[in-house]
N, C-alpha and C. Protein backbone atom coordinates (compact mmCIF):
# COMPACT_ATOMS: atom_id res chain seq x y z
N MET A 1 11.71 -18.07 7.00
CA MET A 1 11.94 -17.69 5.61
C MET A 1 11.06 -16.48 5.29
N THR A 2 11.68 -15.49 4.68
CA THR A 2 10.93 -14.29 4.32
C THR A 2 10.55 -14.32 2.85
N ASN A 3 9.41 -13.73 2.58
CA ASN A 3 8.92 -13.60 1.22
C ASN A 3 8.69 -12.13 0.91
N ARG A 4 8.59 -11.82 -0.36
CA ARG A 4 8.33 -10.44 -0.79
C ARG A 4 6.83 -10.31 -1.05
N TYR A 5 6.22 -9.27 -0.51
CA TYR A 5 4.80 -9.04 -0.65
C TYR A 5 4.54 -7.62 -1.16
N GLU A 6 3.37 -7.45 -1.74
CA GLU A 6 2.92 -6.14 -2.19
C GLU A 6 1.49 -5.98 -1.71
N THR A 7 1.21 -4.89 -1.03
CA THR A 7 -0.14 -4.64 -0.57
C THR A 7 -0.61 -3.29 -1.08
N VAL A 8 -1.85 -3.27 -1.54
CA VAL A 8 -2.49 -2.04 -1.99
C VAL A 8 -3.77 -1.90 -1.18
N PHE A 9 -3.99 -0.71 -0.64
CA PHE A 9 -5.23 -0.48 0.08
C PHE A 9 -5.84 0.84 -0.33
N ILE A 10 -7.17 0.91 -0.19
CA ILE A 10 -7.92 2.10 -0.56
C ILE A 10 -8.56 2.66 0.70
N LEU A 11 -8.27 3.91 0.98
CA LEU A 11 -8.84 4.58 2.15
C LEU A 11 -10.04 5.41 1.73
N THR A 12 -10.98 5.60 2.63
CA THR A 12 -12.19 6.36 2.34
C THR A 12 -11.85 7.81 1.96
N PRO A 13 -12.57 8.40 1.01
CA PRO A 13 -12.23 9.74 0.53
C PRO A 13 -12.65 10.86 1.47
N VAL A 14 -13.41 10.57 2.52
CA VAL A 14 -13.84 11.63 3.43
C VAL A 14 -12.74 12.06 4.40
N LEU A 15 -11.59 11.40 4.33
CA LEU A 15 -10.47 11.74 5.20
C LEU A 15 -9.74 12.97 4.67
N SER A 16 -9.19 13.75 5.57
CA SER A 16 -8.31 14.83 5.15
C SER A 16 -6.94 14.22 4.81
N ASP A 17 -6.08 15.00 4.21
CA ASP A 17 -4.74 14.49 3.88
C ASP A 17 -4.00 14.04 5.14
N ASP A 18 -4.15 14.80 6.22
CA ASP A 18 -3.48 14.43 7.47
C ASP A 18 -4.00 13.11 8.03
N GLN A 19 -5.31 12.91 7.94
CA GLN A 19 -5.89 11.67 8.44
C GLN A 19 -5.45 10.48 7.59
N ALA A 20 -5.35 10.67 6.27
CA ALA A 20 -4.90 9.60 5.39
C ALA A 20 -3.44 9.26 5.69
N LYS A 21 -2.61 10.28 5.91
CA LYS A 21 -1.20 10.04 6.23
C LYS A 21 -1.06 9.32 7.57
N GLU A 22 -1.93 9.65 8.52
CA GLU A 22 -1.89 9.00 9.83
C GLU A 22 -2.26 7.53 9.71
N ALA A 23 -3.24 7.22 8.85
CA ALA A 23 -3.64 5.82 8.64
C ALA A 23 -2.50 5.03 8.00
N VAL A 24 -1.85 5.63 7.00
CA VAL A 24 -0.72 4.97 6.33
C VAL A 24 0.42 4.76 7.32
N ALA A 25 0.68 5.75 8.16
CA ALA A 25 1.74 5.62 9.17
C ALA A 25 1.44 4.48 10.14
N LYS A 26 0.17 4.29 10.47
CA LYS A 26 -0.23 3.19 11.37
C LYS A 26 0.11 1.84 10.74
N PHE A 27 -0.19 1.68 9.44
CA PHE A 27 0.08 0.41 8.77
C PHE A 27 1.58 0.19 8.60
N LYS A 28 2.32 1.24 8.29
CA LYS A 28 3.77 1.12 8.16
C LYS A 28 4.42 0.78 9.50
N ALA A 29 3.89 1.34 10.59
CA ALA A 29 4.41 1.03 11.92
C ALA A 29 4.17 -0.44 12.27
N LEU A 30 3.01 -0.97 11.87
CA LEU A 30 2.73 -2.38 12.10
C LEU A 30 3.74 -3.26 11.37
N LEU A 31 4.05 -2.89 10.14
CA LEU A 31 5.05 -3.65 9.37
C LEU A 31 6.42 -3.56 10.04
N LYS A 32 6.79 -2.36 10.48
CA LYS A 32 8.09 -2.17 11.12
C LYS A 32 8.18 -2.97 12.42
N ASP A 33 7.09 -2.96 13.19
CA ASP A 33 7.07 -3.72 14.45
C ASP A 33 7.15 -5.22 14.20
N GLY A 34 6.68 -5.67 13.05
CA GLY A 34 6.74 -7.08 12.68
C GLY A 34 8.02 -7.46 11.98
N ASN A 35 9.03 -6.57 12.03
CA ASN A 35 10.36 -6.79 11.42
C ASN A 35 10.30 -6.94 9.90
N ALA A 36 9.35 -6.27 9.28
CA ALA A 36 9.28 -6.28 7.82
C ALA A 36 10.23 -5.23 7.27
N LYS A 37 10.82 -5.54 6.13
CA LYS A 37 11.72 -4.61 5.46
C LYS A 37 10.97 -4.00 4.28
N THR A 38 10.72 -2.70 4.34
CA THR A 38 9.99 -2.02 3.27
C THR A 38 10.95 -1.72 2.11
N HIS A 39 10.57 -2.18 0.92
CA HIS A 39 11.40 -1.94 -0.26
C HIS A 39 10.94 -0.74 -1.06
N HIS A 40 9.61 -0.53 -1.11
CA HIS A 40 9.09 0.55 -1.94
C HIS A 40 7.69 0.90 -1.47
N GLU A 41 7.34 2.17 -1.61
CA GLU A 41 5.98 2.59 -1.32
C GLU A 41 5.60 3.72 -2.26
N GLU A 42 4.32 3.75 -2.62
CA GLU A 42 3.82 4.77 -3.53
C GLU A 42 2.47 5.27 -3.03
N ASP A 43 2.32 6.59 -3.04
CA ASP A 43 1.04 7.20 -2.73
C ASP A 43 0.41 7.55 -4.07
N TRP A 44 -0.64 6.84 -4.45
CA TRP A 44 -1.28 7.06 -5.74
C TRP A 44 -2.31 8.18 -5.66
N GLY A 45 -2.61 8.65 -4.47
CA GLY A 45 -3.52 9.77 -4.30
C GLY A 45 -4.98 9.40 -4.45
N LEU A 46 -5.80 10.43 -4.60
CA LEU A 46 -7.24 10.26 -4.72
C LEU A 46 -7.57 9.87 -6.16
N ARG A 47 -8.23 8.72 -6.32
CA ARG A 47 -8.59 8.21 -7.66
C ARG A 47 -10.04 7.77 -7.67
N LYS A 48 -10.58 7.76 -8.87
CA LYS A 48 -11.95 7.29 -9.07
C LYS A 48 -11.96 5.76 -8.99
N LEU A 49 -12.95 5.22 -8.29
CA LEU A 49 -13.10 3.77 -8.18
C LEU A 49 -13.78 3.22 -9.42
N ALA A 50 -13.52 1.97 -9.75
CA ALA A 50 -14.14 1.33 -10.90
C ALA A 50 -15.64 1.14 -10.67
N TYR A 51 -16.03 0.96 -9.42
CA TYR A 51 -17.44 0.81 -9.05
C TYR A 51 -17.60 1.36 -7.64
N PRO A 52 -18.79 1.82 -7.29
CA PRO A 52 -18.99 2.38 -5.95
C PRO A 52 -18.79 1.34 -4.85
N ILE A 53 -18.12 1.76 -3.78
CA ILE A 53 -17.92 0.93 -2.60
C ILE A 53 -18.46 1.74 -1.42
N GLN A 54 -19.43 1.20 -0.71
CA GLN A 54 -20.06 1.89 0.42
C GLN A 54 -20.56 3.28 0.01
N LYS A 55 -21.14 3.36 -1.17
CA LYS A 55 -21.70 4.59 -1.75
C LYS A 55 -20.65 5.67 -1.99
N LYS A 56 -19.39 5.27 -2.12
CA LYS A 56 -18.31 6.21 -2.41
C LYS A 56 -17.76 5.91 -3.80
N SER A 57 -17.43 6.95 -4.54
CA SER A 57 -16.95 6.75 -5.91
C SER A 57 -15.46 7.05 -6.06
N THR A 58 -14.80 7.54 -5.00
CA THR A 58 -13.37 7.81 -5.03
C THR A 58 -12.72 7.26 -3.77
N GLY A 59 -11.38 7.18 -3.78
CA GLY A 59 -10.66 6.71 -2.61
C GLY A 59 -9.18 7.02 -2.73
N PHE A 60 -8.49 7.08 -1.59
CA PHE A 60 -7.05 7.28 -1.55
C PHE A 60 -6.36 5.93 -1.70
N TYR A 61 -5.57 5.77 -2.74
CA TYR A 61 -4.85 4.51 -3.00
C TYR A 61 -3.43 4.62 -2.45
N TYR A 62 -2.92 3.52 -1.90
CA TYR A 62 -1.54 3.47 -1.40
C TYR A 62 -0.98 2.07 -1.59
N LEU A 63 0.27 1.98 -2.04
CA LEU A 63 0.94 0.70 -2.28
C LEU A 63 2.18 0.62 -1.41
N ILE A 64 2.41 -0.54 -0.82
CA ILE A 64 3.63 -0.81 -0.06
C ILE A 64 4.18 -2.16 -0.49
N GLU A 65 5.46 -2.18 -0.85
CA GLU A 65 6.16 -3.42 -1.20
C GLU A 65 7.13 -3.71 -0.07
N PHE A 66 7.03 -4.91 0.51
CA PHE A 66 7.84 -5.23 1.68
C PHE A 66 8.23 -6.70 1.69
N GLU A 67 9.17 -7.01 2.57
CA GLU A 67 9.65 -8.38 2.75
C GLU A 67 9.45 -8.76 4.21
N SER A 68 8.79 -9.91 4.46
CA SER A 68 8.52 -10.31 5.84
C SER A 68 8.18 -11.79 5.91
N GLU A 69 7.95 -12.23 7.13
CA GLU A 69 7.45 -13.57 7.37
C GLU A 69 5.98 -13.63 6.97
N GLY A 70 5.52 -14.80 6.59
CA GLY A 70 4.13 -14.95 6.17
C GLY A 70 3.12 -14.70 7.28
N SER A 71 3.51 -14.93 8.53
CA SER A 71 2.57 -14.74 9.64
C SER A 71 2.19 -13.28 9.84
N LEU A 72 3.03 -12.36 9.39
CA LEU A 72 2.74 -10.93 9.52
C LEU A 72 1.56 -10.51 8.64
N ILE A 73 1.35 -11.22 7.54
CA ILE A 73 0.27 -10.89 6.61
C ILE A 73 -1.08 -11.02 7.31
N ASN A 74 -1.26 -12.06 8.10
CA ASN A 74 -2.52 -12.23 8.84
C ASN A 74 -2.78 -11.06 9.78
N ASP A 75 -1.74 -10.60 10.47
CA ASP A 75 -1.89 -9.47 11.38
C ASP A 75 -2.23 -8.19 10.61
N LEU A 76 -1.54 -7.97 9.50
CA LEU A 76 -1.77 -6.78 8.69
C LEU A 76 -3.20 -6.76 8.15
N GLU A 77 -3.65 -7.88 7.61
CA GLU A 77 -5.00 -7.93 7.04
C GLU A 77 -6.07 -7.83 8.13
N LEU A 78 -5.79 -8.31 9.32
CA LEU A 78 -6.72 -8.15 10.42
C LEU A 78 -6.90 -6.67 10.77
N VAL A 79 -5.79 -5.94 10.78
CA VAL A 79 -5.86 -4.50 11.05
C VAL A 79 -6.60 -3.79 9.93
N PHE A 80 -6.38 -4.19 8.68
CA PHE A 80 -7.13 -3.60 7.55
C PHE A 80 -8.63 -3.82 7.72
N ARG A 81 -9.02 -5.03 8.10
CA ARG A 81 -10.44 -5.36 8.25
C ARG A 81 -11.09 -4.57 9.39
N ARG A 82 -10.34 -4.34 10.45
CA ARG A 82 -10.89 -3.65 11.63
C ARG A 82 -10.94 -2.14 11.46
N ASP A 83 -10.13 -1.59 10.58
CA ASP A 83 -10.05 -0.15 10.40
C ASP A 83 -11.16 0.31 9.46
N GLU A 84 -12.07 1.12 9.95
CA GLU A 84 -13.20 1.56 9.15
C GLU A 84 -12.80 2.53 8.03
N ARG A 85 -11.59 3.05 8.06
CA ARG A 85 -11.12 3.95 7.00
C ARG A 85 -10.73 3.19 5.74
N VAL A 86 -10.50 1.88 5.84
CA VAL A 86 -10.07 1.07 4.70
C VAL A 86 -11.30 0.54 3.97
N LEU A 87 -11.42 0.93 2.69
CA LEU A 87 -12.52 0.43 1.86
C LEU A 87 -12.21 -0.96 1.32
N ARG A 88 -11.02 -1.12 0.76
CA ARG A 88 -10.58 -2.40 0.18
C ARG A 88 -9.06 -2.52 0.37
N PHE A 89 -8.59 -3.78 0.33
CA PHE A 89 -7.16 -4.04 0.38
C PHE A 89 -6.87 -5.33 -0.36
N LEU A 90 -5.65 -5.46 -0.83
CA LEU A 90 -5.21 -6.68 -1.49
C LEU A 90 -3.73 -6.85 -1.22
N THR A 91 -3.35 -8.01 -0.73
CA THR A 91 -1.95 -8.34 -0.47
C THR A 91 -1.60 -9.57 -1.28
N ILE A 92 -0.52 -9.48 -2.04
CA ILE A 92 -0.08 -10.62 -2.85
C ILE A 92 1.37 -10.95 -2.53
N LYS A 93 1.70 -12.22 -2.68
CA LYS A 93 3.09 -12.68 -2.58
C LYS A 93 3.69 -12.53 -3.97
N MET A 94 4.81 -11.84 -4.05
CA MET A 94 5.44 -11.58 -5.34
C MET A 94 6.39 -12.72 -5.69
N GLU A 95 6.28 -13.21 -6.92
CA GLU A 95 7.21 -14.21 -7.41
C GLU A 95 8.49 -13.50 -7.84
N LYS A 96 9.55 -14.27 -8.11
CA LYS A 96 10.83 -13.66 -8.45
C LYS A 96 10.74 -12.83 -9.73
N HIS A 97 9.89 -13.22 -10.67
CA HIS A 97 9.75 -12.45 -11.91
C HIS A 97 9.03 -11.13 -11.65
N ALA A 98 8.06 -11.14 -10.76
CA ALA A 98 7.35 -9.92 -10.40
C ALA A 98 8.27 -8.94 -9.68
N VAL A 99 9.14 -9.47 -8.82
CA VAL A 99 10.10 -8.63 -8.10
C VAL A 99 11.07 -7.98 -9.09
N ALA A 100 11.58 -8.79 -10.03
CA ALA A 100 12.51 -8.26 -11.04
C ALA A 100 11.83 -7.20 -11.90
N TYR A 101 10.58 -7.45 -12.28
CA TYR A 101 9.85 -6.48 -13.11
C TYR A 101 9.62 -5.18 -12.35
N ALA A 102 9.24 -5.26 -11.08
CA ALA A 102 8.98 -4.06 -10.29
C ALA A 102 10.26 -3.24 -10.11
N GLU A 103 11.38 -3.91 -9.86
CA GLU A 103 12.64 -3.19 -9.69
C GLU A 103 13.09 -2.55 -11.00
N LYS A 104 12.91 -3.27 -12.12
CA LYS A 104 13.27 -2.72 -13.42
C LYS A 104 12.40 -1.52 -13.76
N LYS A 105 11.13 -1.63 -13.48
CA LYS A 105 10.18 -0.54 -13.75
C LYS A 105 10.55 0.71 -12.95
N ARG A 106 10.92 0.53 -11.68
CA ARG A 106 11.31 1.68 -10.85
C ARG A 106 12.63 2.29 -11.32
N SER A 107 13.56 1.47 -11.76
CA SER A 107 14.86 2.00 -12.18
C SER A 107 14.75 2.73 -13.51
N ASN A 108 13.74 2.41 -14.32
CA ASN A 108 13.56 3.09 -15.61
C ASN A 108 12.84 4.42 -15.49
N LYS A 109 12.21 4.66 -14.34
CA LYS A 109 11.53 5.93 -14.15
C LYS A 109 12.56 7.04 -14.08
N LYS A 110 12.34 8.06 -14.85
CA LYS A 110 13.25 9.19 -14.84
C LYS A 110 12.68 10.24 -13.88
N PRO A 111 13.54 10.83 -13.07
CA PRO A 111 13.04 11.87 -12.17
C PRO A 111 12.57 13.08 -12.98
N GLU A 112 11.47 13.67 -12.53
CA GLU A 112 10.94 14.82 -13.23
C GLU A 112 11.88 16.01 -13.03
N THR A 113 12.12 16.72 -14.13
CA THR A 113 13.00 17.88 -14.04
C THR A 113 12.17 19.10 -13.67
N ALA A 114 12.80 19.99 -12.96
CA ALA A 114 12.10 21.21 -12.54
C ALA A 114 11.94 22.12 -13.75
N LYS A 115 10.74 22.65 -13.88
CA LYS A 115 10.46 23.55 -15.00
C LYS A 115 10.75 24.98 -14.56
N ALA A 116 11.46 25.67 -15.41
CA ALA A 116 11.84 27.04 -15.06
C ALA A 116 10.87 28.04 -15.64
């Protein structure tokens, strides 16, 4: 039985954009290898942290919403813990109301129009 999950992780700010993209690609590849179906992903970019973590005040935030077996979560979180580029991570199982809200929120977003 598959469940819907949402994971958010914060990467260390000392990474270049290419290094951050490589780290995200590593995590997405792990999900793909575990037969997870990715529904949505967002790069929130470099943001200020609410409190310092490892003497850092900013970090690269990234969100991935996916559907998979529960056993894949253990593997994903193990990789997060072992990767020194990850400052923090949080993975939650989404209830049906959370899934509906997330889909509604995404469908209400209007694409930005190009300014002339």
